[in-house]
Amino acid sequence: MTQDAQGPGRQFRQIACVATLPKTPSGKLQRFMLRNQEAGALLE
């Protein structure tokens, strides 16, 4: 899709590949853990 068709709010910011995704015991994704990992990587 083109940028014009999606609009400014629907664009990818960044894509980072990780080996495993942090999940809760019920299987939900722990997004705050991914944000914390990203923040830690930016500080290094």
PDB file of N, CA and C in Angstrom:
ATOM      1  N   MET A   1       0.835  -1.173   0.000  1.00  0.00           N
ATOM      2  CA  MET A   1       0.000   0.000   0.000  1.00  0.00           C
ATOM      3  C   MET A   1       0.886   1.245   0.000  1.00  0.00           C
ATOM      4  N   THR A   2       0.362   2.262  -0.536  1.00  0.00           N
ATOM      5  CA  THR A   2       1.124   3.502  -0.572  1.00  0.00           C
ATOM      6  C   THR A   2       0.848   4.331   0.667  1.00  0.00           C
ATOM      7  N   GLN A   3       1.718   5.266   0.922  1.00  0.00           N
ATOM      8  CA  GLN A   3       1.576   6.136   2.078  1.00  0.00           C
ATOM      9  C   GLN A   3       0.324   7.000   1.960  1.00  0.00           C
ATOM     10  N   ASP A   4      -0.011   7.417   0.755  1.00  0.00           N
ATOM     11  CA  ASP A   4      -1.185   8.260   0.551  1.00  0.00           C
ATOM     12  C   ASP A   4      -2.472   7.512   0.895  1.00  0.00           C
ATOM     13  N   ALA A   5      -2.531   6.230   0.584  1.00  0.00           N
ATOM     14  CA  ALA A   5      -3.744   5.458   0.820  1.00  0.00           C
ATOM     15  C   ALA A   5      -3.959   5.176   2.302  1.00  0.00           C
ATOM     16  N   GLN A   6      -2.883   5.076   3.078  1.00  0.00           N
ATOM     17  CA  GLN A   6      -3.010   4.727   4.487  1.00  0.00           C
ATOM     18  C   GLN A   6      -3.229   5.938   5.379  1.00  0.00           C
ATOM     19  N   GLY A   7      -2.674   7.058   5.068  1.00  0.00           N
ATOM     20  CA  GLY A   7      -2.792   8.234   5.914  1.00  0.00           C
ATOM     21  C   GLY A   7      -1.635   8.326   6.890  1.00  0.00           C
ATOM     22  N   PRO A   8      -1.463   9.466   7.534  1.00  0.00           N
ATOM     23  CA  PRO A   8      -0.289   9.683   8.388  1.00  0.00           C
ATOM     24  C   PRO A   8      -0.296   8.882   9.687  1.00  0.00           C
ATOM     25  N   GLY A   9      -1.452   8.510  10.208  1.00  0.00           N
ATOM     26  CA  GLY A   9      -1.497   7.794  11.477  1.00  0.00           C
ATOM     27  C   GLY A   9      -1.307   6.302  11.351  1.00  0.00           C
ATOM     28  N   ARG A  10      -1.265   5.770  10.159  1.00  0.00           N
ATOM     29  CA  ARG A  10      -1.198   4.327   9.946  1.00  0.00           C
ATOM     30  C   ARG A  10       0.126   3.883   9.356  1.00  0.00           C
ATOM     31  N   GLN A  11       1.211   4.583   9.665  1.00  0.00           N
ATOM     32  CA  GLN A  11       2.504   4.246   9.114  1.00  0.00           C
ATOM     33  C   GLN A  11       3.330   3.481  10.137  1.00  0.00           C
ATOM     34  N   PHE A  12       4.209   2.610   9.659  1.00  0.00           N
ATOM     35  CA  PHE A  12       5.130   1.913  10.545  1.00  0.00           C
ATOM     36  C   PHE A  12       6.113   2.907  11.120  1.00  0.00           C
ATOM     37  N   ARG A  13       6.368   2.803  12.401  1.00  0.00           N
ATOM     38  CA  ARG A  13       7.381   3.654  13.017  1.00  0.00           C
ATOM     39  C   ARG A  13       8.738   2.984  12.894  1.00  0.00           C
ATOM     40  N   GLN A  14       8.857   1.804  13.452  1.00  0.00           N
ATOM     41  CA  GLN A  14      10.076   1.014  13.364  1.00  0.00           C
ATOM     42  C   GLN A  14       9.691  -0.451  13.452  1.00  0.00           C
ATOM     43  N   ILE A  15      10.530  -1.287  12.890  1.00  0.00           N
ATOM     44  CA  ILE A  15      10.338  -2.726  12.992  1.00  0.00           C
ATOM     45  C   ILE A  15      11.617  -3.305  13.568  1.00  0.00           C
ATOM     46  N   ALA A  16      11.483  -4.085  14.628  1.00  0.00           N
ATOM     47  CA  ALA A  16      12.636  -4.733  15.248  1.00  0.00           C
ATOM     48  C   ALA A  16      12.312  -6.213  15.409  1.00  0.00           C
ATOM     49  N   CYS A  17      13.252  -7.058  15.043  1.00  0.00           N
ATOM     50  CA  CYS A  17      13.072  -8.502  15.183  1.00  0.00           C
ATOM     51  C   CYS A  17      13.639  -8.952  16.529  1.00  0.00           C
ATOM     52  N   VAL A  18      12.894  -9.777  17.235  1.00  0.00           N
ATOM     53  CA  VAL A  18      13.342 -10.332  18.506  1.00  0.00           C
ATOM     54  C   VAL A  18      13.241 -11.851  18.428  1.00  0.00           C
ATOM     55  N   ALA A  19      14.052 -12.508  19.241  1.00  0.00           N
ATOM     56  CA  ALA A  19      14.084 -13.973  19.209  1.00  0.00           C
ATOM     57  C   ALA A  19      12.790 -14.570  19.771  1.00  0.00           C
ATOM     58  N   THR A  20      12.339 -14.058  20.908  1.00  0.00           N
ATOM     59  CA  THR A  20      11.112 -14.549  21.519  1.00  0.00           C
ATOM     60  C   THR A  20      10.285 -13.358  21.996  1.00  0.00           C
ATOM     61  N   LEU A  21       8.992 -13.545  22.036  1.00  0.00           N
ATOM     62  CA  LEU A  21       8.096 -12.496  22.502  1.00  0.00           C
ATOM     63  C   LEU A  21       7.723 -12.767  23.956  1.00  0.00           C
ATOM     64  N   PRO A  22       7.784 -11.731  24.818  1.00  0.00           N
ATOM     65  CA  PRO A  22       7.386 -11.932  26.214  1.00  0.00           C
ATOM     66  C   PRO A  22       5.876 -12.087  26.318  1.00  0.00           C
ATOM     67  N   LYS A  23       5.446 -13.159  26.969  1.00  0.00           N
ATOM     68  CA  LYS A  23       4.016 -13.435  27.097  1.00  0.00           C
ATOM     69  C   LYS A  23       3.652 -13.710  28.554  1.00  0.00           C
ATOM     70  N   THR A  24       2.399 -13.456  28.880  1.00  0.00           N
ATOM     71  CA  THR A  24       1.868 -13.773  30.198  1.00  0.00           C
ATOM     72  C   THR A  24       1.573 -15.273  30.246  1.00  0.00           C
ATOM     73  N   PRO A  25       1.308 -15.818  31.436  1.00  0.00           N
ATOM     74  CA  PRO A  25       0.943 -17.245  31.507  1.00  0.00           C
ATOM     75  C   PRO A  25      -0.296 -17.599  30.684  1.00  0.00           C
ATOM     76  N   SER A  26      -1.184 -16.622  30.466  1.00  0.00           N
ATOM     77  CA  SER A  26      -2.378 -16.908  29.674  1.00  0.00           C
ATOM     78  C   SER A  26      -2.118 -16.771  28.175  1.00  0.00           C
ATOM     79  N   GLY A  27      -0.907 -16.336  27.793  1.00  0.00           N
ATOM     80  CA  GLY A  27      -0.550 -16.267  26.381  1.00  0.00           C
ATOM     81  C   GLY A  27      -0.654 -14.899  25.751  1.00  0.00           C
ATOM     82  N   LYS A  28      -1.002 -13.882  26.536  1.00  0.00           N
ATOM     83  CA  LYS A  28      -1.109 -12.531  25.975  1.00  0.00           C
ATOM     84  C   LYS A  28       0.279 -11.915  25.848  1.00  0.00           C
ATOM     85  N   LEU A  29       0.430 -11.057  24.872  1.00  0.00           N
ATOM     86  CA  LEU A  29       1.694 -10.384  24.621  1.00  0.00           C
ATOM     87  C   LEU A  29       1.920  -9.276  25.641  1.00  0.00           C
ATOM     88  N   GLN A  30       3.119  -9.207  26.208  1.00  0.00           N
ATOM     89  CA  GLN A  30       3.453  -8.163  27.176  1.00  0.00           C
ATOM     90  C   GLN A  30       4.114  -7.004  26.434  1.00  0.00           C
ATOM     91  N   ARG A  31       3.290  -6.089  25.963  1.00  0.00           N
ATOM     92  CA  ARG A  31       3.787  -4.968  25.153  1.00  0.00           C
ATOM     93  C   ARG A  31       4.698  -4.046  25.945  1.00  0.00           C
ATOM     94  N   PHE A  32       4.416  -3.885  27.249  1.00  0.00           N
ATOM     95  CA  PHE A  32       5.253  -2.997  28.056  1.00  0.00           C
ATOM     96  C   PHE A  32       6.682  -3.521  28.140  1.00  0.00           C
ATOM     97  N   MET A  33       6.849  -4.839  28.118  1.00  0.00           N
ATOM     98  CA  MET A  33       8.197  -5.411  28.137  1.00  0.00           C
ATOM     99  C   MET A  33       8.932  -5.079  26.837  1.00  0.00           C
ATOM    100  N   LEU A  34       8.236  -5.125  25.712  1.00  0.00           N
ATOM    101  CA  LEU A  34       8.853  -4.773  24.435  1.00  0.00           C
ATOM    102  C   LEU A  34       9.246  -3.298  24.416  1.00  0.00           C
ATOM    103  N   ARG A  35       8.381  -2.434  24.957  1.00  0.00           N
ATOM    104  CA  ARG A  35       8.700  -1.004  25.024  1.00  0.00           C
ATOM    105  C   ARG A  35       9.906  -0.768  25.918  1.00  0.00           C
ATOM    106  N   ASN A  36       9.984  -1.490  27.056  1.00  0.00           N
ATOM    107  CA  ASN A  36      11.126  -1.334  27.959  1.00  0.00           C
ATOM    108  C   ASN A  36      12.418  -1.800  27.299  1.00  0.00           C
ATOM    109  N   GLN A  37      12.360  -2.885  26.547  1.00  0.00           N
ATOM    110  CA  GLN A  37      13.544  -3.375  25.836  1.00  0.00           C
ATOM    111  C   GLN A  37      13.992  -2.357  24.804  1.00  0.00           C
ATOM    112  N   GLU A  38      13.041  -1.754  24.106  1.00  0.00           N
ATOM    113  CA  GLU A  38      13.351  -0.748  23.093  1.00  0.00           C
ATOM    114  C   GLU A  38      13.982   0.476  23.736  1.00  0.00           C
ATOM    115  N   ALA A  39      13.439   0.918  24.863  1.00  0.00           N
ATOM    116  CA  ALA A  39      13.979   2.077  25.566  1.00  0.00           C
ATOM    117  C   ALA A  39      15.398   1.791  26.056  1.00  0.00           C
ATOM    118  N   GLY A  40      15.632   0.589  26.535  1.00  0.00           N
ATOM    119  CA  GLY A  40      16.970   0.208  26.986  1.00  0.00           C
ATOM    120  C   GLY A  40      17.964   0.159  25.840  1.00  0.00           C
ATOM    121  N   ALA A  41      17.529  -0.283  24.681  1.00  0.00           N
ATOM    122  CA  ALA A  41      18.406  -0.348  23.512  1.00  0.00           C
ATOM    123  C   ALA A  41      18.776   1.052  23.023  1.00  0.00           C
ATOM    124  N   LEU A  42      17.848   1.993  23.172  1.00  0.00           N
ATOM    125  CA  LEU A  42      18.133   3.372  22.730  1.00  0.00           C
ATOM    126  C   LEU A  42      19.128   4.049  23.659  1.00  0.00           C
ATOM    127  N   LEU A  43      19.143   3.670  24.933  1.00  0.00           N
ATOM    128  CA  LEU A  43      20.050   4.294  25.890  1.00  0.00           C
ATOM    129  C   LEU A  43      21.479   3.806  25.733  1.00  0.00           C
ATOM    130  N   GLU A  44      21.682   2.644  25.166  1.00  0.00           N
ATOM    131  CA  GLU A  44      23.039   2.076  25.027  1.00  0.00           C
ATOM    132  C   GLU A  44      23.822   2.758  23.955  1.00  0.00           C
TER     133      GLU A  44
END
